[in-house]
Amino acid sequence: MKILVAGIGNVFLGDDGFGVEVARRLCRTAVPDGVRVADYGIRGMHLAHDLANSGYDLTIMIDSVDTGDPAGTVCVIELDPAGAPSAELLDAHGMQPDVVLGLVRLLGATPGRVLLVGCCPASLDHRIGLSPAVSVAVDTAADEVVALVREELSCAWASPAK
């Protein structure tokens, strides 16, 4: 089984850098065989090509997502690649998970199962650094990703260094 853990987001937009920070945290530990952790940042096109050409069975995207819950709330959402938007919604500067999946579909591929580990942002203003509530949620999200991988692979993966 092949699993991709993809941190996405823009570190210059405050809490939008959440996925990048979680990926960095996860990269500090030894990763089980078959698992790749990567910081994609704003390189959504690169992520789409990797999903279209690498045969991942499971992709776990990590990103900020506004669900209407309080800032710092972490959630897991199963994404439906078939329901992703089409080409007219593509914007190289705003590659949200659903848009990346739409691009994968346009490339003629179907990704495996896709989960989003998201965190509600407090601020997406132009600044570097996470808000206090979202910064605290980094550990929660990293632990959730580890638990999802453990469940999928039935293997041991050390908790990320904090």
Protein backbone atom coordinates (compact mmCIF):
# COMPACT_ATOMS: atom_id res chain seq x y z
CA MET A 1 0.00 0.00 0.00
CA LYS A 2 1.20 3.50 -0.89
CA ILE A 3 0.16 6.52 1.16
CA LEU A 4 0.87 10.19 0.48
CA VAL A 5 0.63 12.74 3.29
CA ALA A 6 0.52 16.16 1.63
CA GLY A 7 0.80 19.42 3.55
CA ILE A 8 -0.65 22.26 1.50
CA GLY A 9 -1.12 25.97 2.03
CA ASN A 10 0.46 29.40 1.74
CA VAL A 11 2.81 30.31 4.61
CA PHE A 12 2.45 34.01 3.69
CA LEU A 13 -1.27 33.96 4.55
CA GLY A 14 -1.20 33.26 8.27
CA ASP A 15 -3.21 30.18 9.17
CA ASP A 16 -3.24 29.00 5.55
CA GLY A 17 0.25 27.67 6.35
CA PHE A 18 -1.26 25.09 8.71
CA GLY A 19 -0.81 22.09 6.38
CA VAL A 20 2.80 23.02 5.69
CA GLU A 21 3.58 23.17 9.41
CA VAL A 22 1.94 19.80 10.11
CA ALA A 23 3.92 18.21 7.26
CA ARG A 24 7.14 19.67 8.67
CA ARG A 25 6.30 18.21 12.08
CA LEU A 26 5.62 14.78 10.58
CA CYS A 27 8.89 14.85 8.61
CA ARG A 28 10.81 14.87 11.91
CA THR A 29 10.02 11.21 12.53
CA ALA A 30 10.83 7.99 10.74
CA VAL A 31 7.99 7.23 8.35
CA PRO A 32 6.69 3.67 7.79
CA ASP A 33 7.50 1.94 4.52
CA GLY A 34 5.08 2.92 1.79
CA VAL A 35 4.35 6.34 3.30
CA ARG A 36 5.61 9.60 1.83
CA VAL A 37 5.23 12.90 3.69
CA ALA A 38 5.68 16.04 1.58
CA ASP A 39 5.26 19.79 1.97
CA TYR A 40 3.55 20.92 -1.25
CA GLY A 41 2.91 24.48 -0.09
CA ILE A 42 1.15 26.22 -2.98
CA ARG A 43 2.36 23.73 -5.60
CA GLY A 44 -1.08 22.29 -6.30
CA MET A 45 -0.20 21.46 -9.91
CA HIS A 46 2.75 19.39 -8.68
CA LEU A 47 0.49 17.58 -6.20
CA ALA A 48 -2.08 16.88 -8.93
CA HIS A 49 0.57 15.38 -11.20
CA ASP A 50 1.92 13.26 -8.34
CA LEU A 51 -1.59 11.98 -7.60
CA ALA A 52 -2.23 11.26 -11.27
CA ASN A 53 1.04 9.40 -11.85
CA SER A 54 2.15 7.75 -8.60
CA GLY A 55 -0.60 5.24 -7.79
CA TYR A 56 -1.25 6.21 -4.17
CA ASP A 57 -3.89 4.07 -2.49
CA LEU A 58 -4.57 6.77 0.11
CA THR A 59 -3.80 10.46 0.12
CA ILE A 60 -4.10 12.50 3.30
CA MET A 61 -4.13 16.21 2.51
CA ILE A 62 -3.57 18.65 5.35
CA ASP A 63 -4.91 22.17 4.94
CA SER A 64 -6.83 24.96 6.60
CA VAL A 65 -10.57 24.61 6.03
CA ASP A 66 -13.36 26.86 7.22
CA THR A 67 -16.13 24.61 8.50
CA GLY A 68 -17.66 27.34 10.64
CA ASP A 69 -16.24 25.80 13.82
CA PRO A 70 -14.02 27.76 16.22
CA ALA A 71 -10.45 28.51 15.11
CA GLY A 72 -8.15 25.59 15.83
CA THR A 73 -10.83 22.91 15.41
CA VAL A 74 -9.36 19.88 13.62
CA CYS A 75 -11.55 17.67 11.46
CA VAL A 76 -11.20 14.74 9.06
CA ILE A 77 -13.23 14.87 5.85
CA GLU A 78 -13.37 12.20 3.16
CA LEU A 79 -13.20 13.94 -0.22
CA ASP A 80 -15.01 12.75 -3.32
CA PRO A 81 -12.67 13.08 -6.33
CA ALA A 82 -15.62 12.58 -8.70
CA GLY A 83 -17.31 15.69 -7.32
CA ALA A 84 -14.30 17.98 -7.81
CA PRO A 85 -14.73 21.18 -9.87
CA SER A 86 -13.85 21.29 -13.54
CA ALA A 87 -11.12 23.20 -15.40
CA GLU A 88 -12.82 26.60 -15.45
CA LEU A 89 -12.33 26.89 -11.70
CA LEU A 90 -8.56 26.28 -11.79
CA ASP A 91 -6.43 29.05 -10.34
CA ALA A 92 -2.71 28.45 -9.91
CA HIS A 93 -2.71 30.76 -6.87
CA GLY A 94 -5.58 29.04 -5.07
CA MET A 95 -5.19 25.29 -5.29
CA GLN A 96 -7.60 24.02 -2.66
CA PRO A 97 -7.91 20.23 -2.25
CA ASP A 98 -11.08 19.97 -4.36
CA VAL A 99 -9.47 21.93 -7.19
CA VAL A 100 -6.37 19.69 -7.08
CA LEU A 101 -8.65 16.65 -7.38
CA GLY A 102 -10.44 18.27 -10.31
CA LEU A 103 -7.09 18.68 -12.06
CA VAL A 104 -6.26 15.01 -11.41
CA ARG A 105 -9.52 14.12 -13.12
CA LEU A 106 -8.66 16.40 -16.06
CA LEU A 107 -5.34 14.57 -16.35
CA GLY A 108 -7.34 11.39 -16.93
CA ALA A 109 -6.54 9.78 -13.61
CA THR A 110 -8.44 8.76 -10.53
CA PRO A 111 -6.71 9.09 -7.18
CA GLY A 112 -7.28 6.46 -4.53
CA ARG A 113 -9.09 7.33 -1.34
CA VAL A 114 -8.54 10.96 -0.30
CA LEU A 115 -8.89 12.33 3.23
CA LEU A 116 -8.52 15.94 4.34
CA VAL A 117 -7.22 16.67 7.81
CA GLY A 118 -8.31 20.26 8.19
CA CYS A 119 -8.14 23.01 10.73
CA CYS A 120 -10.41 26.04 11.01
CA PRO A 121 -8.32 29.18 10.58
CA ALA A 122 -8.48 32.28 12.76
CA SER A 123 -6.87 34.55 10.17
CA LEU A 124 -5.83 34.29 6.54
CA ASP A 125 -4.31 37.79 6.48
CA HIS A 126 -1.01 38.53 4.78
CA ARG A 127 1.47 37.56 7.49
CA ILE A 128 3.86 34.77 8.34
CA GLY A 129 3.02 32.54 11.29
CA LEU A 130 0.04 30.70 12.66
CA SER A 131 -2.43 32.18 15.12
CA PRO A 132 -2.21 30.79 18.68
CA ALA A 133 -5.31 28.56 18.30
CA VAL A 134 -4.11 27.06 15.01
CA SER A 135 -0.56 26.66 16.29
CA VAL A 136 -1.87 24.49 19.13
CA ALA A 137 -3.87 22.44 16.60
CA VAL A 138 -0.68 21.40 14.73
CA ASP A 139 0.04 18.69 17.31
CA THR A 140 -3.56 17.47 17.25
CA ALA A 141 -3.55 17.22 13.45
CA ALA A 142 -0.15 15.49 13.36
CA ASP A 143 -1.41 12.92 15.86
CA GLU A 144 -4.57 12.44 13.77
CA VAL A 145 -2.53 11.81 10.61
CA VAL A 146 -0.39 9.26 12.45
CA ALA A 147 -3.54 7.52 13.73
CA LEU A 148 -5.05 7.41 10.23
CA VAL A 149 -1.86 5.89 8.78
CA ARG A 150 -1.59 3.38 11.64
CA GLU A 151 -5.21 2.35 11.08
CA GLU A 152 -4.68 1.97 7.33
CA LEU A 153 -1.40 0.06 7.55
CA SER A 154 -1.91 -1.59 10.94
CA CYS A 155 1.63 -0.61 11.80
CA ALA A 156 3.63 1.31 14.34
CA TRP A 157 4.54 4.92 13.58
CA ALA A 158 6.14 6.94 16.35
CA SER A 159 4.28 10.10 17.36
CA PRO A 160 5.83 13.20 15.81
CA ALA A 161 8.38 15.20 17.77
CA LYS A 162 6.81 18.28 19.32
